[in-house]
PDBML (XML) file of the C-alpha atoms, coordinates in Angstrom:
<?xml version="1.0" encoding="UTF-8" ?>
<PDBx:datablock datablockName="MODEL"
   xmlns:PDBx="http://pdbml.pdb.org/schema/pdbx-v50.xsd"
   xmlns:xsi="http://www.w3.org/2001/XMLSchema-instance"
   xsi:schemaLocation="http://pdbml.pdb.org/schema/pdbx-v50.xsd pdbx-v50.xsd">
   <PDBx:atom_siteCategory>
      <PDBx:atom_site id="1">
         <PDBx:B_iso_or_equiv>0.00</PDBx:B_iso_or_equiv>
         <PDBx:Cartn_x>4.805</PDBx:Cartn_x>
         <PDBx:Cartn_y>2.172</PDBx:Cartn_y>
         <PDBx:Cartn_z>-3.356</PDBx:Cartn_z>
         <PDBx:auth_asym_id>A</PDBx:auth_asym_id>
         <PDBx:auth_atom_id>CA</PDBx:auth_atom_id>
         <PDBx:auth_comp_id>GLY</PDBx:auth_comp_id>
         <PDBx:auth_seq_id>1</PDBx:auth_seq_id>
         <PDBx:group_PDB>ATOM</PDBx:group_PDB>
         <PDBx:label_alt_id xsi:nil="true" />
         <PDBx:label_asym_id>A</PDBx:label_asym_id>
         <PDBx:label_atom_id>CA</PDBx:label_atom_id>
         <PDBx:label_comp_id>GLY</PDBx:label_comp_id>
         <PDBx:label_entity_id>1</PDBx:label_entity_id>
         <PDBx:label_seq_id>1</PDBx:label_seq_id>
         <PDBx:occupancy>1.00</PDBx:occupancy>
         <PDBx:pdbx_PDB_model_num>1</PDBx:pdbx_PDB_model_num>
         <PDBx:type_symbol>C</PDBx:type_symbol>
      </PDBx:atom_site>
      <PDBx:atom_site id="2">
         <PDBx:B_iso_or_equiv>0.00</PDBx:B_iso_or_equiv>
         <PDBx:Cartn_x>6.139</PDBx:Cartn_x>
         <PDBx:Cartn_y>4.486</PDBx:Cartn_y>
         <PDBx:Cartn_z>-6.038</PDBx:Cartn_z>
         <PDBx:auth_asym_id>A</PDBx:auth_asym_id>
         <PDBx:auth_atom_id>CA</PDBx:auth_atom_id>
         <PDBx:auth_comp_id>CYS</PDBx:auth_comp_id>
         <PDBx:auth_seq_id>2</PDBx:auth_seq_id>
         <PDBx:group_PDB>ATOM</PDBx:group_PDB>
         <PDBx:label_alt_id xsi:nil="true" />
         <PDBx:label_asym_id>A</PDBx:label_asym_id>
         <PDBx:label_atom_id>CA</PDBx:label_atom_id>
         <PDBx:label_comp_id>CYS</PDBx:label_comp_id>
         <PDBx:label_entity_id>1</PDBx:label_entity_id>
         <PDBx:label_seq_id>2</PDBx:label_seq_id>
         <PDBx:occupancy>1.00</PDBx:occupancy>
         <PDBx:pdbx_PDB_model_num>1</PDBx:pdbx_PDB_model_num>
         <PDBx:type_symbol>C</PDBx:type_symbol>
      </PDBx:atom_site>
      <PDBx:atom_site id="3">
         <PDBx:B_iso_or_equiv>0.00</PDBx:B_iso_or_equiv>
         <PDBx:Cartn_x>9.794</PDBx:Cartn_x>
         <PDBx:Cartn_y>5.185</PDBx:Cartn_y>
         <PDBx:Cartn_z>-6.793</PDBx:Cartn_z>
         <PDBx:auth_asym_id>A</PDBx:auth_asym_id>
         <PDBx:auth_atom_id>CA</PDBx:auth_atom_id>
         <PDBx:auth_comp_id>GLY</PDBx:auth_comp_id>
         <PDBx:auth_seq_id>3</PDBx:auth_seq_id>
         <PDBx:group_PDB>ATOM</PDBx:group_PDB>
         <PDBx:label_alt_id xsi:nil="true" />
         <PDBx:label_asym_id>A</PDBx:label_asym_id>
         <PDBx:label_atom_id>CA</PDBx:label_atom_id>
         <PDBx:label_comp_id>GLY</PDBx:label_comp_id>
         <PDBx:label_entity_id>1</PDBx:label_entity_id>
         <PDBx:label_seq_id>3</PDBx:label_seq_id>
         <PDBx:occupancy>1.00</PDBx:occupancy>
         <PDBx:pdbx_PDB_model_num>1</PDBx:pdbx_PDB_model_num>
         <PDBx:type_symbol>C</PDBx:type_symbol>
      </PDBx:atom_site>
      <PDBx:atom_site id="4">
         <PDBx:B_iso_or_equiv>0.00</PDBx:B_iso_or_equiv>
         <PDBx:Cartn_x>11.020</PDBx:Cartn_x>
         <PDBx:Cartn_y>8.736</PDBx:Cartn_y>
         <PDBx:Cartn_z>-6.333</PDBx:Cartn_z>
         <PDBx:auth_asym_id>A</PDBx:auth_asym_id>
         <PDBx:auth_atom_id>CA</PDBx:auth_atom_id>
         <PDBx:auth_comp_id>ASP</PDBx:auth_comp_id>
         <PDBx:auth_seq_id>4</PDBx:auth_seq_id>
         <PDBx:group_PDB>ATOM</PDBx:group_PDB>
         <PDBx:label_alt_id xsi:nil="true" />
         <PDBx:label_asym_id>A</PDBx:label_asym_id>
         <PDBx:label_atom_id>CA</PDBx:label_atom_id>
         <PDBx:label_comp_id>ASP</PDBx:label_comp_id>
         <PDBx:label_entity_id>1</PDBx:label_entity_id>
         <PDBx:label_seq_id>4</PDBx:label_seq_id>
         <PDBx:occupancy>1.00</PDBx:occupancy>
         <PDBx:pdbx_PDB_model_num>1</PDBx:pdbx_PDB_model_num>
         <PDBx:type_symbol>C</PDBx:type_symbol>
      </PDBx:atom_site>
      <PDBx:atom_site id="5">
         <PDBx:B_iso_or_equiv>0.00</PDBx:B_iso_or_equiv>
         <PDBx:Cartn_x>14.015</PDBx:Cartn_x>
         <PDBx:Cartn_y>10.998</PDBx:Cartn_y>
         <PDBx:Cartn_z>-6.893</PDBx:Cartn_z>
         <PDBx:auth_asym_id>A</PDBx:auth_asym_id>
         <PDBx:auth_atom_id>CA</PDBx:auth_atom_id>
         <PDBx:auth_comp_id>PHE</PDBx:auth_comp_id>
         <PDBx:auth_seq_id>5</PDBx:auth_seq_id>
         <PDBx:group_PDB>ATOM</PDBx:group_PDB>
         <PDBx:label_alt_id xsi:nil="true" />
         <PDBx:label_asym_id>A</PDBx:label_asym_id>
         <PDBx:label_atom_id>CA</PDBx:label_atom_id>
         <PDBx:label_comp_id>PHE</PDBx:label_comp_id>
         <PDBx:label_entity_id>1</PDBx:label_entity_id>
         <PDBx:label_seq_id>5</PDBx:label_seq_id>
         <PDBx:occupancy>1.00</PDBx:occupancy>
         <PDBx:pdbx_PDB_model_num>1</PDBx:pdbx_PDB_model_num>
         <PDBx:type_symbol>C</PDBx:type_symbol>
      </PDBx:atom_site>
      <PDBx:atom_site id="6">
         <PDBx:B_iso_or_equiv>0.00</PDBx:B_iso_or_equiv>
         <PDBx:Cartn_x>15.005</PDBx:Cartn_x>
         <PDBx:Cartn_y>10.689</PDBx:Cartn_y>
         <PDBx:Cartn_z>-3.257</PDBx:Cartn_z>
         <PDBx:auth_asym_id>A</PDBx:auth_asym_id>
         <PDBx:auth_atom_id>CA</PDBx:auth_atom_id>
         <PDBx:auth_comp_id>GLU</PDBx:auth_comp_id>
         <PDBx:auth_seq_id>6</PDBx:auth_seq_id>
         <PDBx:group_PDB>ATOM</PDBx:group_PDB>
         <PDBx:label_alt_id xsi:nil="true" />
         <PDBx:label_asym_id>A</PDBx:label_asym_id>
         <PDBx:label_atom_id>CA</PDBx:label_atom_id>
         <PDBx:label_comp_id>GLU</PDBx:label_comp_id>
         <PDBx:label_entity_id>1</PDBx:label_entity_id>
         <PDBx:label_seq_id>6</PDBx:label_seq_id>
         <PDBx:occupancy>1.00</PDBx:occupancy>
         <PDBx:pdbx_PDB_model_num>1</PDBx:pdbx_PDB_model_num>
         <PDBx:type_symbol>C</PDBx:type_symbol>
      </PDBx:atom_site>
      <PDBx:atom_site id="7">
         <PDBx:B_iso_or_equiv>0.00</PDBx:B_iso_or_equiv>
         <PDBx:Cartn_x>15.205</PDBx:Cartn_x>
         <PDBx:Cartn_y>6.915</PDBx:Cartn_y>
         <PDBx:Cartn_z>-3.643</PDBx:Cartn_z>
         <PDBx:auth_asym_id>A</PDBx:auth_asym_id>
         <PDBx:auth_atom_id>CA</PDBx:auth_atom_id>
         <PDBx:auth_comp_id>GLY</PDBx:auth_comp_id>
         <PDBx:auth_seq_id>7</PDBx:auth_seq_id>
         <PDBx:group_PDB>ATOM</PDBx:group_PDB>
         <PDBx:label_alt_id xsi:nil="true" />
         <PDBx:label_asym_id>A</PDBx:label_asym_id>
         <PDBx:label_atom_id>CA</PDBx:label_atom_id>
         <PDBx:label_comp_id>GLY</PDBx:label_comp_id>
         <PDBx:label_entity_id>1</PDBx:label_entity_id>
         <PDBx:label_seq_id>7</PDBx:label_seq_id>
         <PDBx:occupancy>1.00</PDBx:occupancy>
         <PDBx:pdbx_PDB_model_num>1</PDBx:pdbx_PDB_model_num>
         <PDBx:type_symbol>C</PDBx:type_symbol>
      </PDBx:atom_site>
      <PDBx:atom_site id="8">
         <PDBx:B_iso_or_equiv>0.00</PDBx:B_iso_or_equiv>
         <PDBx:Cartn_x>17.178</PDBx:Cartn_x>
         <PDBx:Cartn_y>7.259</PDBx:Cartn_y>
         <PDBx:Cartn_z>-6.870</PDBx:Cartn_z>
         <PDBx:auth_asym_id>A</PDBx:auth_asym_id>
         <PDBx:auth_atom_id>CA</PDBx:auth_atom_id>
         <PDBx:auth_comp_id>LEU</PDBx:auth_comp_id>
         <PDBx:auth_seq_id>8</PDBx:auth_seq_id>
         <PDBx:group_PDB>ATOM</PDBx:group_PDB>
         <PDBx:label_alt_id xsi:nil="true" />
         <PDBx:label_asym_id>A</PDBx:label_asym_id>
         <PDBx:label_atom_id>CA</PDBx:label_atom_id>
         <PDBx:label_comp_id>LEU</PDBx:label_comp_id>
         <PDBx:label_entity_id>1</PDBx:label_entity_id>
         <PDBx:label_seq_id>8</PDBx:label_seq_id>
         <PDBx:occupancy>1.00</PDBx:occupancy>
         <PDBx:pdbx_PDB_model_num>1</PDBx:pdbx_PDB_model_num>
         <PDBx:type_symbol>C</PDBx:type_symbol>
      </PDBx:atom_site>
      <PDBx:atom_site id="9">
         <PDBx:B_iso_or_equiv>0.00</PDBx:B_iso_or_equiv>
         <PDBx:Cartn_x>19.615</PDBx:Cartn_x>
         <PDBx:Cartn_y>9.584</PDBx:Cartn_y>
         <PDBx:Cartn_z>-5.114</PDBx:Cartn_z>
         <PDBx:auth_asym_id>A</PDBx:auth_asym_id>
         <PDBx:auth_atom_id>CA</PDBx:auth_atom_id>
         <PDBx:auth_comp_id>ALA</PDBx:auth_comp_id>
         <PDBx:auth_seq_id>9</PDBx:auth_seq_id>
         <PDBx:group_PDB>ATOM</PDBx:group_PDB>
         <PDBx:label_alt_id xsi:nil="true" />
         <PDBx:label_asym_id>A</PDBx:label_asym_id>
         <PDBx:label_atom_id>CA</PDBx:label_atom_id>
         <PDBx:label_comp_id>ALA</PDBx:label_comp_id>
         <PDBx:label_entity_id>1</PDBx:label_entity_id>
         <PDBx:label_seq_id>9</PDBx:label_seq_id>
         <PDBx:occupancy>1.00</PDBx:occupancy>
         <PDBx:pdbx_PDB_model_num>1</PDBx:pdbx_PDB_model_num>
         <PDBx:type_symbol>C</PDBx:type_symbol>
      </PDBx:atom_site>
      <PDBx:atom_site id="10">
         <PDBx:B_iso_or_equiv>0.00</PDBx:B_iso_or_equiv>
         <PDBx:Cartn_x>20.157</PDBx:Cartn_x>
         <PDBx:Cartn_y>6.941</PDBx:Cartn_y>
         <PDBx:Cartn_z>-2.423</PDBx:Cartn_z>
         <PDBx:auth_asym_id>A</PDBx:auth_asym_id>
         <PDBx:auth_atom_id>CA</PDBx:auth_atom_id>
         <PDBx:auth_comp_id>HIS</PDBx:auth_comp_id>
         <PDBx:auth_seq_id>10</PDBx:auth_seq_id>
         <PDBx:group_PDB>ATOM</PDBx:group_PDB>
         <PDBx:label_alt_id xsi:nil="true" />
         <PDBx:label_asym_id>A</PDBx:label_asym_id>
         <PDBx:label_atom_id>CA</PDBx:label_atom_id>
         <PDBx:label_comp_id>HIS</PDBx:label_comp_id>
         <PDBx:label_entity_id>1</PDBx:label_entity_id>
         <PDBx:label_seq_id>10</PDBx:label_seq_id>
         <PDBx:occupancy>1.00</PDBx:occupancy>
         <PDBx:pdbx_PDB_model_num>1</PDBx:pdbx_PDB_model_num>
         <PDBx:type_symbol>C</PDBx:type_symbol>
      </PDBx:atom_site>
      <PDBx:atom_site id="11">
         <PDBx:B_iso_or_equiv>0.00</PDBx:B_iso_or_equiv>
         <PDBx:Cartn_x>20.982</PDBx:Cartn_x>
         <PDBx:Cartn_y>4.336</PDBx:Cartn_y>
         <PDBx:Cartn_z>-5.067</PDBx:Cartn_z>
         <PDBx:auth_asym_id>A</PDBx:auth_asym_id>
         <PDBx:auth_atom_id>CA</PDBx:auth_atom_id>
         <PDBx:auth_comp_id>ARG</PDBx:auth_comp_id>
         <PDBx:auth_seq_id>11</PDBx:auth_seq_id>
         <PDBx:group_PDB>ATOM</PDBx:group_PDB>
         <PDBx:label_alt_id xsi:nil="true" />
         <PDBx:label_asym_id>A</PDBx:label_asym_id>
         <PDBx:label_atom_id>CA</PDBx:label_atom_id>
         <PDBx:label_comp_id>ARG</PDBx:label_comp_id>
         <PDBx:label_entity_id>1</PDBx:label_entity_id>
         <PDBx:label_seq_id>11</PDBx:label_seq_id>
         <PDBx:occupancy>1.00</PDBx:occupancy>
         <PDBx:pdbx_PDB_model_num>1</PDBx:pdbx_PDB_model_num>
         <PDBx:type_symbol>C</PDBx:type_symbol>
      </PDBx:atom_site>
      <PDBx:atom_site id="12">
         <PDBx:B_iso_or_equiv>0.00</PDBx:B_iso_or_equiv>
         <PDBx:Cartn_x>23.194</PDBx:Cartn_x>
         <PDBx:Cartn_y>6.491</PDBx:Cartn_y>
         <PDBx:Cartn_z>-7.269</PDBx:Cartn_z>
         <PDBx:auth_asym_id>A</PDBx:auth_asym_id>
         <PDBx:auth_atom_id>CA</PDBx:auth_atom_id>
         <PDBx:auth_comp_id>ILE</PDBx:auth_comp_id>
         <PDBx:auth_seq_id>12</PDBx:auth_seq_id>
         <PDBx:group_PDB>ATOM</PDBx:group_PDB>
         <PDBx:label_alt_id xsi:nil="true" />
         <PDBx:label_asym_id>A</PDBx:label_asym_id>
         <PDBx:label_atom_id>CA</PDBx:label_atom_id>
         <PDBx:label_comp_id>ILE</PDBx:label_comp_id>
         <PDBx:label_entity_id>1</PDBx:label_entity_id>
         <PDBx:label_seq_id>12</PDBx:label_seq_id>
         <PDBx:occupancy>1.00</PDBx:occupancy>
         <PDBx:pdbx_PDB_model_num>1</PDBx:pdbx_PDB_model_num>
         <PDBx:type_symbol>C</PDBx:type_symbol>
      </PDBx:atom_site>
      <PDBx:atom_site id="13">
         <PDBx:B_iso_or_equiv>0.00</PDBx:B_iso_or_equiv>
         <PDBx:Cartn_x>26.375</PDBx:Cartn_x>
         <PDBx:Cartn_y>4.941</PDBx:Cartn_y>
         <PDBx:Cartn_z>-5.858</PDBx:Cartn_z>
         <PDBx:auth_asym_id>A</PDBx:auth_asym_id>
         <PDBx:auth_atom_id>CA</PDBx:auth_atom_id>
         <PDBx:auth_comp_id>ASP</PDBx:auth_comp_id>
         <PDBx:auth_seq_id>13</PDBx:auth_seq_id>
         <PDBx:group_PDB>ATOM</PDBx:group_PDB>
         <PDBx:label_alt_id xsi:nil="true" />
         <PDBx:label_asym_id>A</PDBx:label_asym_id>
         <PDBx:label_atom_id>CA</PDBx:label_atom_id>
         <PDBx:label_comp_id>ASP</PDBx:label_comp_id>
         <PDBx:label_entity_id>1</PDBx:label_entity_id>
         <PDBx:label_seq_id>13</PDBx:label_seq_id>
         <PDBx:occupancy>1.00</PDBx:occupancy>
         <PDBx:pdbx_PDB_model_num>1</PDBx:pdbx_PDB_model_num>
         <PDBx:type_symbol>C</PDBx:type_symbol>
      </PDBx:atom_site>
      <PDBx:atom_site id="14">
         <PDBx:B_iso_or_equiv>0.00</PDBx:B_iso_or_equiv>
         <PDBx:Cartn_x>25.287</PDBx:Cartn_x>
         <PDBx:Cartn_y>1.569</PDBx:Cartn_y>
         <PDBx:Cartn_z>-7.277</PDBx:Cartn_z>
         <PDBx:auth_asym_id>A</PDBx:auth_asym_id>
         <PDBx:auth_atom_id>CA</PDBx:auth_atom_id>
         <PDBx:auth_comp_id>HIS</PDBx:auth_comp_id>
         <PDBx:auth_seq_id>14</PDBx:auth_seq_id>
         <PDBx:group_PDB>ATOM</PDBx:group_PDB>
         <PDBx:label_alt_id xsi:nil="true" />
         <PDBx:label_asym_id>A</PDBx:label_asym_id>
         <PDBx:label_atom_id>CA</PDBx:label_atom_id>
         <PDBx:label_comp_id>HIS</PDBx:label_comp_id>
         <PDBx:label_entity_id>1</PDBx:label_entity_id>
         <PDBx:label_seq_id>14</PDBx:label_seq_id>
         <PDBx:occupancy>1.00</PDBx:occupancy>
         <PDBx:pdbx_PDB_model_num>1</PDBx:pdbx_PDB_model_num>
         <PDBx:type_symbol>C</PDBx:type_symbol>
      </PDBx:atom_site>
      <PDBx:atom_site id="15">
         <PDBx:B_iso_or_equiv>0.00</PDBx:B_iso_or_equiv>
         <PDBx:Cartn_x>25.296</PDBx:Cartn_x>
         <PDBx:Cartn_y>3.163</PDBx:Cartn_y>
         <PDBx:Cartn_z>-10.719</PDBx:Cartn_z>
         <PDBx:auth_asym_id>A</PDBx:auth_asym_id>
         <PDBx:auth_atom_id>CA</PDBx:auth_atom_id>
         <PDBx:auth_comp_id>LEU</PDBx:auth_comp_id>
         <PDBx:auth_seq_id>15</PDBx:auth_seq_id>
         <PDBx:group_PDB>ATOM</PDBx:group_PDB>
         <PDBx:label_alt_id xsi:nil="true" />
         <PDBx:label_asym_id>A</PDBx:label_asym_id>
         <PDBx:label_atom_id>CA</PDBx:label_atom_id>
         <PDBx:label_comp_id>LEU</PDBx:label_comp_id>
         <PDBx:label_entity_id>1</PDBx:label_entity_id>
         <PDBx:label_seq_id>15</PDBx:label_seq_id>
         <PDBx:occupancy>1.00</PDBx:occupancy>
         <PDBx:pdbx_PDB_model_num>1</PDBx:pdbx_PDB_model_num>
         <PDBx:type_symbol>C</PDBx:type_symbol>
      </PDBx:atom_site>
      <PDBx:atom_site id="16">
         <PDBx:B_iso_or_equiv>0.00</PDBx:B_iso_or_equiv>
         <PDBx:Cartn_x>28.633</PDBx:Cartn_x>
         <PDBx:Cartn_y>4.856</PDBx:Cartn_y>
         <PDBx:Cartn_z>-10.145</PDBx:Cartn_z>
         <PDBx:auth_asym_id>A</PDBx:auth_asym_id>
         <PDBx:auth_atom_id>CA</PDBx:auth_atom_id>
         <PDBx:auth_comp_id>ALA</PDBx:auth_comp_id>
         <PDBx:auth_seq_id>16</PDBx:auth_seq_id>
         <PDBx:group_PDB>ATOM</PDBx:group_PDB>
         <PDBx:label_alt_id xsi:nil="true" />
         <PDBx:label_asym_id>A</PDBx:label_asym_id>
         <PDBx:label_atom_id>CA</PDBx:label_atom_id>
         <PDBx:label_comp_id>ALA</PDBx:label_comp_id>
         <PDBx:label_entity_id>1</PDBx:label_entity_id>
         <PDBx:label_seq_id>16</PDBx:label_seq_id>
         <PDBx:occupancy>1.00</PDBx:occupancy>
         <PDBx:pdbx_PDB_model_num>1</PDBx:pdbx_PDB_model_num>
         <PDBx:type_symbol>C</PDBx:type_symbol>
      </PDBx:atom_site>
      <PDBx:atom_site id="17">
         <PDBx:B_iso_or_equiv>0.00</PDBx:B_iso_or_equiv>
         <PDBx:Cartn_x>30.158</PDBx:Cartn_x>
         <PDBx:Cartn_y>1.590</PDBx:Cartn_y>
         <PDBx:Cartn_z>-8.924</PDBx:Cartn_z>
         <PDBx:auth_asym_id>A</PDBx:auth_asym_id>
         <PDBx:auth_atom_id>CA</PDBx:auth_atom_id>
         <PDBx:auth_comp_id>ASP</PDBx:auth_comp_id>
         <PDBx:auth_seq_id>17</PDBx:auth_seq_id>
         <PDBx:group_PDB>ATOM</PDBx:group_PDB>
         <PDBx:label_alt_id xsi:nil="true" />
         <PDBx:label_asym_id>A</PDBx:label_asym_id>
         <PDBx:label_atom_id>CA</PDBx:label_atom_id>
         <PDBx:label_comp_id>ASP</PDBx:label_comp_id>
         <PDBx:label_entity_id>1</PDBx:label_entity_id>
         <PDBx:label_seq_id>17</PDBx:label_seq_id>
         <PDBx:occupancy>1.00</PDBx:occupancy>
         <PDBx:pdbx_PDB_model_num>1</PDBx:pdbx_PDB_model_num>
         <PDBx:type_symbol>C</PDBx:type_symbol>
      </PDBx:atom_site>
      <PDBx:atom_site id="18">
         <PDBx:B_iso_or_equiv>0.00</PDBx:B_iso_or_equiv>
         <PDBx:Cartn_x>28.779</PDBx:Cartn_x>
         <PDBx:Cartn_y>-0.198</PDBx:Cartn_y>
         <PDBx:Cartn_z>-11.982</PDBx:Cartn_z>
         <PDBx:auth_asym_id>A</PDBx:auth_asym_id>
         <PDBx:auth_atom_id>CA</PDBx:auth_atom_id>
         <PDBx:auth_comp_id>LEU</PDBx:auth_comp_id>
         <PDBx:auth_seq_id>18</PDBx:auth_seq_id>
         <PDBx:group_PDB>ATOM</PDBx:group_PDB>
         <PDBx:label_alt_id xsi:nil="true" />
         <PDBx:label_asym_id>A</PDBx:label_asym_id>
         <PDBx:label_atom_id>CA</PDBx:label_atom_id>
         <PDBx:label_comp_id>LEU</PDBx:label_comp_id>
         <PDBx:label_entity_id>1</PDBx:label_entity_id>
         <PDBx:label_seq_id>18</PDBx:label_seq_id>
         <PDBx:occupancy>1.00</PDBx:occupancy>
         <PDBx:pdbx_PDB_model_num>1</PDBx:pdbx_PDB_model_num>
         <PDBx:type_symbol>C</PDBx:type_symbol>
      </PDBx:atom_site>
      <PDBx:atom_site id="19">
         <PDBx:B_iso_or_equiv>0.00</PDBx:B_iso_or_equiv>
         <PDBx:Cartn_x>30.635</PDBx:Cartn_x>
         <PDBx:Cartn_y>2.249</PDBx:Cartn_y>
         <PDBx:Cartn_z>-14.211</PDBx:Cartn_z>
         <PDBx:auth_asym_id>A</PDBx:auth_asym_id>
         <PDBx:auth_atom_id>CA</PDBx:auth_atom_id>
         <PDBx:auth_comp_id>GLY</PDBx:auth_comp_id>
         <PDBx:auth_seq_id>19</PDBx:auth_seq_id>
         <PDBx:group_PDB>ATOM</PDBx:group_PDB>
         <PDBx:label_alt_id xsi:nil="true" />
         <PDBx:label_asym_id>A</PDBx:label_asym_id>
         <PDBx:label_atom_id>CA</PDBx:label_atom_id>
         <PDBx:label_comp_id>GLY</PDBx:label_comp_id>
         <PDBx:label_entity_id>1</PDBx:label_entity_id>
         <PDBx:label_seq_id>19</PDBx:label_seq_id>
         <PDBx:occupancy>1.00</PDBx:occupancy>
         <PDBx:pdbx_PDB_model_num>1</PDBx:pdbx_PDB_model_num>
         <PDBx:type_symbol>C</PDBx:type_symbol>
      </PDBx:atom_site>
      <PDBx:atom_site id="20">
         <PDBx:B_iso_or_equiv>0.00</PDBx:B_iso_or_equiv>
         <PDBx:Cartn_x>27.669</PDBx:Cartn_x>
         <PDBx:Cartn_y>4.068</PDBx:Cartn_y>
         <PDBx:Cartn_z>-15.757</PDBx:Cartn_z>
         <PDBx:auth_asym_id>A</PDBx:auth_asym_id>
         <PDBx:auth_atom_id>CA</PDBx:auth_atom_id>
         <PDBx:auth_comp_id>VAL</PDBx:auth_comp_id>
         <PDBx:auth_seq_id>20</PDBx:auth_seq_id>
         <PDBx:group_PDB>ATOM</PDBx:group_PDB>
         <PDBx:label_alt_id xsi:nil="true" />
         <PDBx:label_asym_id>A</PDBx:label_asym_id>
         <PDBx:label_atom_id>CA</PDBx:label_atom_id>
         <PDBx:label_comp_id>VAL</PDBx:label_comp_id>
         <PDBx:label_entity_id>1</PDBx:label_entity_id>
         <PDBx:label_seq_id>20</PDBx:label_seq_id>
         <PDBx:occupancy>1.00</PDBx:occupancy>
         <PDBx:pdbx_PDB_model_num>1</PDBx:pdbx_PDB_model_num>
         <PDBx:type_symbol>C</PDBx:type_symbol>
      </PDBx:atom_site>
      <PDBx:atom_site id="21">
         <PDBx:B_iso_or_equiv>0.00</PDBx:B_iso_or_equiv>
         <PDBx:Cartn_x>28.589</PDBx:Cartn_x>
         <PDBx:Cartn_y>7.454</PDBx:Cartn_y>
         <PDBx:Cartn_z>-17.241</PDBx:Cartn_z>
         <PDBx:auth_asym_id>A</PDBx:auth_asym_id>
         <PDBx:auth_atom_id>CA</PDBx:auth_atom_id>
         <PDBx:auth_comp_id>THR</PDBx:auth_comp_id>
         <PDBx:auth_seq_id>21</PDBx:auth_seq_id>
         <PDBx:group_PDB>ATOM</PDBx:group_PDB>
         <PDBx:label_alt_id xsi:nil="true" />
         <PDBx:label_asym_id>A</PDBx:label_asym_id>
         <PDBx:label_atom_id>CA</PDBx:label_atom_id>
         <PDBx:label_comp_id>THR</PDBx:label_comp_id>
         <PDBx:label_entity_id>1</PDBx:label_entity_id>
         <PDBx:label_seq_id>21</PDBx:label_seq_id>
         <PDBx:occupancy>1.00</PDBx:occupancy>
         <PDBx:pdbx_PDB_model_num>1</PDBx:pdbx_PDB_model_num>
         <PDBx:type_symbol>C</PDBx:type_symbol>
      </PDBx:atom_site>
      <PDBx:atom_site id="22">
         <PDBx:B_iso_or_equiv>0.00</PDBx:B_iso_or_equiv>
         <PDBx:Cartn_x>25.226</PDBx:Cartn_x>
         <PDBx:Cartn_y>8.625</PDBx:Cartn_y>
         <PDBx:Cartn_z>-18.593</PDBx:Cartn_z>
         <PDBx:auth_asym_id>A</PDBx:auth_asym_id>
         <PDBx:auth_atom_id>CA</PDBx:auth_atom_id>
         <PDBx:auth_comp_id>CYS</PDBx:auth_comp_id>
         <PDBx:auth_seq_id>22</PDBx:auth_seq_id>
         <PDBx:group_PDB>ATOM</PDBx:group_PDB>
         <PDBx:label_alt_id xsi:nil="true" />
         <PDBx:label_asym_id>A</PDBx:label_asym_id>
         <PDBx:label_atom_id>CA</PDBx:label_atom_id>
         <PDBx:label_comp_id>CYS</PDBx:label_comp_id>
         <PDBx:label_entity_id>1</PDBx:label_entity_id>
         <PDBx:label_seq_id>22</PDBx:label_seq_id>
         <PDBx:occupancy>1.00</PDBx:occupancy>
         <PDBx:pdbx_PDB_model_num>1</PDBx:pdbx_PDB_model_num>
         <PDBx:type_symbol>C</PDBx:type_symbol>
      </PDBx:atom_site>
      <PDBx:atom_site id="23">
         <PDBx:B_iso_or_equiv>0.00</PDBx:B_iso_or_equiv>
         <PDBx:Cartn_x>21.782</PDBx:Cartn_x>
         <PDBx:Cartn_y>8.153</PDBx:Cartn_y>
         <PDBx:Cartn_z>-17.060</PDBx:Cartn_z>
         <PDBx:auth_asym_id>A</PDBx:auth_asym_id>
         <PDBx:auth_atom_id>CA</PDBx:auth_atom_id>
         <PDBx:auth_comp_id>LEU</PDBx:auth_comp_id>
         <PDBx:auth_seq_id>23</PDBx:auth_seq_id>
         <PDBx:group_PDB>ATOM</PDBx:group_PDB>
         <PDBx:label_alt_id xsi:nil="true" />
         <PDBx:label_asym_id>A</PDBx:label_asym_id>
         <PDBx:label_atom_id>CA</PDBx:label_atom_id>
         <PDBx:label_comp_id>LEU</PDBx:label_comp_id>
         <PDBx:label_entity_id>1</PDBx:label_entity_id>
         <PDBx:label_seq_id>23</PDBx:label_seq_id>
         <PDBx:occupancy>1.00</PDBx:occupancy>
         <PDBx:pdbx_PDB_model_num>1</PDBx:pdbx_PDB_model_num>
         <PDBx:type_symbol>C</PDBx:type_symbol>
      </PDBx:atom_site>
      <PDBx:atom_site id="24">
         <PDBx:B_iso_or_equiv>0.00</PDBx:B_iso_or_equiv>
         <PDBx:Cartn_x>18.759</PDBx:Cartn_x>
         <PDBx:Cartn_y>8.218</PDBx:Cartn_y>
         <PDBx:Cartn_z>-19.350</PDBx:Cartn_z>
         <PDBx:auth_asym_id>A</PDBx:auth_asym_id>
         <PDBx:auth_atom_id>CA</PDBx:auth_atom_id>
         <PDBx:auth_comp_id>TRP</PDBx:auth_comp_id>
         <PDBx:auth_seq_id>24</PDBx:auth_seq_id>
         <PDBx:group_PDB>ATOM</PDBx:group_PDB>
         <PDBx:label_alt_id xsi:nil="true" />
         <PDBx:label_asym_id>A</PDBx:label_asym_id>
         <PDBx:label_atom_id>CA</PDBx:label_atom_id>
         <PDBx:label_comp_id>TRP</PDBx:label_comp_id>
         <PDBx:label_entity_id>1</PDBx:label_entity_id>
         <PDBx:label_seq_id>24</PDBx:label_seq_id>
         <PDBx:occupancy>1.00</PDBx:occupancy>
         <PDBx:pdbx_PDB_model_num>1</PDBx:pdbx_PDB_model_num>
         <PDBx:type_symbol>C</PDBx:type_symbol>
      </PDBx:atom_site>
      <PDBx:atom_site id="25">
         <PDBx:B_iso_or_equiv>0.00</PDBx:B_iso_or_equiv>
         <PDBx:Cartn_x>15.606</PDBx:Cartn_x>
         <PDBx:Cartn_y>8.959</PDBx:Cartn_y>
         <PDBx:Cartn_z>-17.363</PDBx:Cartn_z>
         <PDBx:auth_asym_id>A</PDBx:auth_asym_id>
         <PDBx:auth_atom_id>CA</PDBx:auth_atom_id>
         <PDBx:auth_comp_id>LEU</PDBx:auth_comp_id>
         <PDBx:auth_seq_id>25</PDBx:auth_seq_id>
         <PDBx:group_PDB>ATOM</PDBx:group_PDB>
         <PDBx:label_alt_id xsi:nil="true" />
         <PDBx:label_asym_id>A</PDBx:label_asym_id>
         <PDBx:label_atom_id>CA</PDBx:label_atom_id>
         <PDBx:label_comp_id>LEU</PDBx:label_comp_id>
         <PDBx:label_entity_id>1</PDBx:label_entity_id>
         <PDBx:label_seq_id>25</PDBx:label_seq_id>
         <PDBx:occupancy>1.00</PDBx:occupancy>
         <PDBx:pdbx_PDB_model_num>1</PDBx:pdbx_PDB_model_num>
         <PDBx:type_symbol>C</PDBx:type_symbol>
      </PDBx:atom_site>
   </PDBx:atom_siteCategory>
</PDBx:datablock>
């Protein structure tokens, strides 16, 4: 029920495809 770094890693290609160049956590 809580997001995690493993989940973020599995969705990182969405961010790359979007064109993001800097992630602010």
